[in-house]
Amino acid sequence: MKPTRYIYRTCDQSDEEINRQKDQYIKLGYRVVIYREGEGDSNTALLKLIKNHTYLQDT
């Protein structure tokens, strides 16, 4: 199983910056998850993160 790297995108970061970071981590063998600021509320994003982490631990 690949290690997971979480990237939190803020409003002041460009798509090019995020894609550059994502590509670097993928080349190093990471699975990359990007969370974007402003999509839904922070509680929903946190719950998704916990569910994803729990799912990965069970597999």
N, C-alpha and C. Protein backbone atom coordinates (compact mmCIF):
# COMPACT_ATOMS: atom_id res chain seq x y z
N MET A 1 0.84 -1.17 0.00
CA MET A 1 0.00 0.00 0.00
C MET A 1 0.89 1.25 0.00
N LYS A 2 0.52 2.23 -0.80
CA LYS A 2 1.28 3.47 -0.91
C LYS A 2 0.99 4.38 0.28
N PRO A 3 1.99 5.13 0.74
CA PRO A 3 1.71 6.14 1.77
C PRO A 3 0.90 7.28 1.16
N THR A 4 0.12 7.94 1.97
CA THR A 4 -0.75 9.01 1.50
C THR A 4 -0.20 10.36 1.93
N ARG A 5 -0.22 11.30 1.03
CA ARG A 5 0.20 12.67 1.31
C ARG A 5 -1.01 13.58 1.08
N TYR A 6 -1.37 14.37 2.08
CA TYR A 6 -2.51 15.28 1.99
C TYR A 6 -2.00 16.68 1.70
N ILE A 7 -2.59 17.32 0.69
CA ILE A 7 -2.26 18.69 0.34
C ILE A 7 -3.50 19.54 0.58
N TYR A 8 -3.34 20.60 1.35
CA TYR A 8 -4.44 21.51 1.63
C TYR A 8 -4.26 22.75 0.79
N ARG A 9 -5.18 22.97 -0.12
CA ARG A 9 -5.07 24.10 -1.04
C ARG A 9 -5.82 25.29 -0.45
N THR A 10 -5.15 26.42 -0.37
CA THR A 10 -5.79 27.65 0.08
C THR A 10 -6.15 28.50 -1.13
N CYS A 11 -6.95 29.51 -0.89
CA CYS A 11 -7.42 30.36 -1.99
C CYS A 11 -6.30 31.09 -2.72
N ASP A 12 -5.18 31.33 -2.05
CA ASP A 12 -4.10 32.11 -2.68
C ASP A 12 -3.11 31.25 -3.47
N GLN A 13 -3.32 29.94 -3.54
CA GLN A 13 -2.43 29.07 -4.32
C GLN A 13 -3.03 28.83 -5.70
N SER A 14 -2.19 28.82 -6.71
CA SER A 14 -2.66 28.59 -8.07
C SER A 14 -2.75 27.09 -8.34
N ASP A 15 -3.53 26.75 -9.37
CA ASP A 15 -3.65 25.34 -9.77
C ASP A 15 -2.30 24.78 -10.20
N GLU A 16 -1.45 25.62 -10.82
CA GLU A 16 -0.14 25.17 -11.25
C GLU A 16 0.73 24.76 -10.05
N GLU A 17 0.67 25.55 -8.98
CA GLU A 17 1.44 25.22 -7.78
C GLU A 17 0.99 23.89 -7.18
N ILE A 18 -0.31 23.72 -7.08
CA ILE A 18 -0.86 22.50 -6.50
C ILE A 18 -0.50 21.29 -7.36
N ASN A 19 -0.66 21.42 -8.68
CA ASN A 19 -0.34 20.31 -9.57
C ASN A 19 1.15 19.97 -9.54
N ARG A 20 1.99 20.97 -9.38
CA ARG A 20 3.43 20.74 -9.28
C ARG A 20 3.75 19.93 -8.01
N GLN A 21 3.15 20.33 -6.90
CA GLN A 21 3.34 19.60 -5.64
C GLN A 21 2.82 18.16 -5.76
N LYS A 22 1.63 18.03 -6.34
CA LYS A 22 1.02 16.71 -6.50
C LYS A 22 1.91 15.80 -7.35
N ASP A 23 2.39 16.32 -8.45
CA ASP A 23 3.25 15.52 -9.34
C ASP A 23 4.55 15.09 -8.65
N GLN A 24 5.12 15.98 -7.83
CA GLN A 24 6.34 15.63 -7.10
C GLN A 24 6.10 14.46 -6.16
N TYR A 25 5.00 14.52 -5.42
CA TYR A 25 4.71 13.45 -4.46
C TYR A 25 4.35 12.13 -5.16
N ILE A 26 3.66 12.21 -6.29
CA ILE A 26 3.32 11.00 -7.04
C ILE A 26 4.60 10.33 -7.55
N LYS A 27 5.55 11.14 -8.05
CA LYS A 27 6.82 10.58 -8.52
C LYS A 27 7.60 9.90 -7.40
N LEU A 28 7.39 10.37 -6.17
CA LEU A 28 8.06 9.76 -5.01
C LEU A 28 7.32 8.53 -4.50
N GLY A 29 6.18 8.21 -5.10
CA GLY A 29 5.45 7.01 -4.73
C GLY A 29 4.30 7.21 -3.77
N TYR A 30 3.90 8.46 -3.56
CA TYR A 30 2.78 8.74 -2.66
C TYR A 30 1.44 8.70 -3.38
N ARG A 31 0.40 8.40 -2.64
CA ARG A 31 -0.97 8.61 -3.08
C ARG A 31 -1.31 10.01 -2.60
N VAL A 32 -1.86 10.88 -3.46
CA VAL A 32 -2.07 12.28 -3.12
C VAL A 32 -3.55 12.60 -3.04
N VAL A 33 -3.94 13.25 -1.94
CA VAL A 33 -5.31 13.73 -1.75
C VAL A 33 -5.22 15.23 -1.57
N ILE A 34 -6.06 15.97 -2.32
CA ILE A 34 -6.05 17.42 -2.25
C ILE A 34 -7.37 17.89 -1.63
N TYR A 35 -7.26 18.69 -0.58
CA TYR A 35 -8.42 19.31 0.03
C TYR A 35 -8.37 20.78 -0.31
N ARG A 36 -9.49 21.30 -0.76
CA ARG A 36 -9.54 22.69 -1.18
C ARG A 36 -10.29 23.52 -0.15
N GLU A 37 -9.69 24.64 0.23
CA GLU A 37 -10.32 25.56 1.17
C GLU A 37 -11.55 26.18 0.51
N GLY A 38 -12.62 26.29 1.26
CA GLY A 38 -13.81 26.93 0.74
C GLY A 38 -14.83 25.98 0.15
N GLU A 39 -14.52 24.71 0.01
CA GLU A 39 -15.50 23.75 -0.50
C GLU A 39 -16.22 23.12 0.69
N GLY A 40 -17.46 23.54 0.91
CA GLY A 40 -18.20 23.03 2.06
C GLY A 40 -17.64 23.63 3.33
N ASP A 41 -18.10 23.13 4.45
CA ASP A 41 -17.55 23.65 5.70
C ASP A 41 -16.40 22.76 6.17
N SER A 42 -15.64 23.27 7.12
CA SER A 42 -14.45 22.55 7.57
C SER A 42 -14.80 21.26 8.29
N ASN A 43 -15.95 21.21 8.96
CA ASN A 43 -16.35 19.98 9.65
C ASN A 43 -16.57 18.85 8.65
N THR A 44 -17.18 19.14 7.52
CA THR A 44 -17.41 18.12 6.49
C THR A 44 -16.08 17.62 5.94
N ALA A 45 -15.15 18.52 5.69
CA ALA A 45 -13.84 18.12 5.18
C ALA A 45 -13.11 17.26 6.19
N LEU A 46 -13.20 17.61 7.47
CA LEU A 46 -12.55 16.83 8.51
C LEU A 46 -13.16 15.44 8.61
N LEU A 47 -14.48 15.34 8.52
CA LEU A 47 -15.13 14.03 8.57
C LEU A 47 -14.71 13.16 7.39
N LYS A 48 -14.59 13.75 6.21
CA LYS A 48 -14.14 12.99 5.04
C LYS A 48 -12.72 12.48 5.25
N LEU A 49 -11.87 13.32 5.83
CA LEU A 49 -10.49 12.92 6.11
C LEU A 49 -10.45 11.75 7.07
N ILE A 50 -11.25 11.80 8.14
CA ILE A 50 -11.28 10.72 9.12
C ILE A 50 -11.81 9.44 8.51
N LYS A 51 -12.89 9.54 7.72
CA LYS A 51 -13.44 8.34 7.08
C LYS A 51 -12.43 7.73 6.12
N ASN A 52 -11.73 8.55 5.35
CA ASN A 52 -10.74 8.06 4.41
C ASN A 52 -9.60 7.38 5.16
N HIS A 53 -9.14 7.97 6.25
CA HIS A 53 -8.05 7.39 7.03
C HIS A 53 -8.48 6.06 7.64
N THR A 54 -9.70 6.00 8.16
CA THR A 54 -10.21 4.76 8.74
C THR A 54 -10.31 3.68 7.68
N TYR A 55 -10.79 4.05 6.50
CA TYR A 55 -10.91 3.07 5.41
C TYR A 55 -9.53 2.53 5.03
N LEU A 56 -8.53 3.42 4.95
CA LEU A 56 -7.19 2.98 4.56
C LEU A 56 -6.59 2.07 5.62
N GLN A 57 -6.90 2.30 6.89
CA GLN A 57 -6.36 1.46 7.96
C GLN A 57 -6.98 0.07 7.92
N ASP A 58 -8.24 -0.04 7.46
CA ASP A 58 -8.93 -1.33 7.42
C ASP A 58 -8.50 -2.19 6.26
N THR A 59 -7.92 -1.58 5.21
CA THR A 59 -7.54 -2.35 4.02
C THR A 59 -6.12 -2.82 4.08
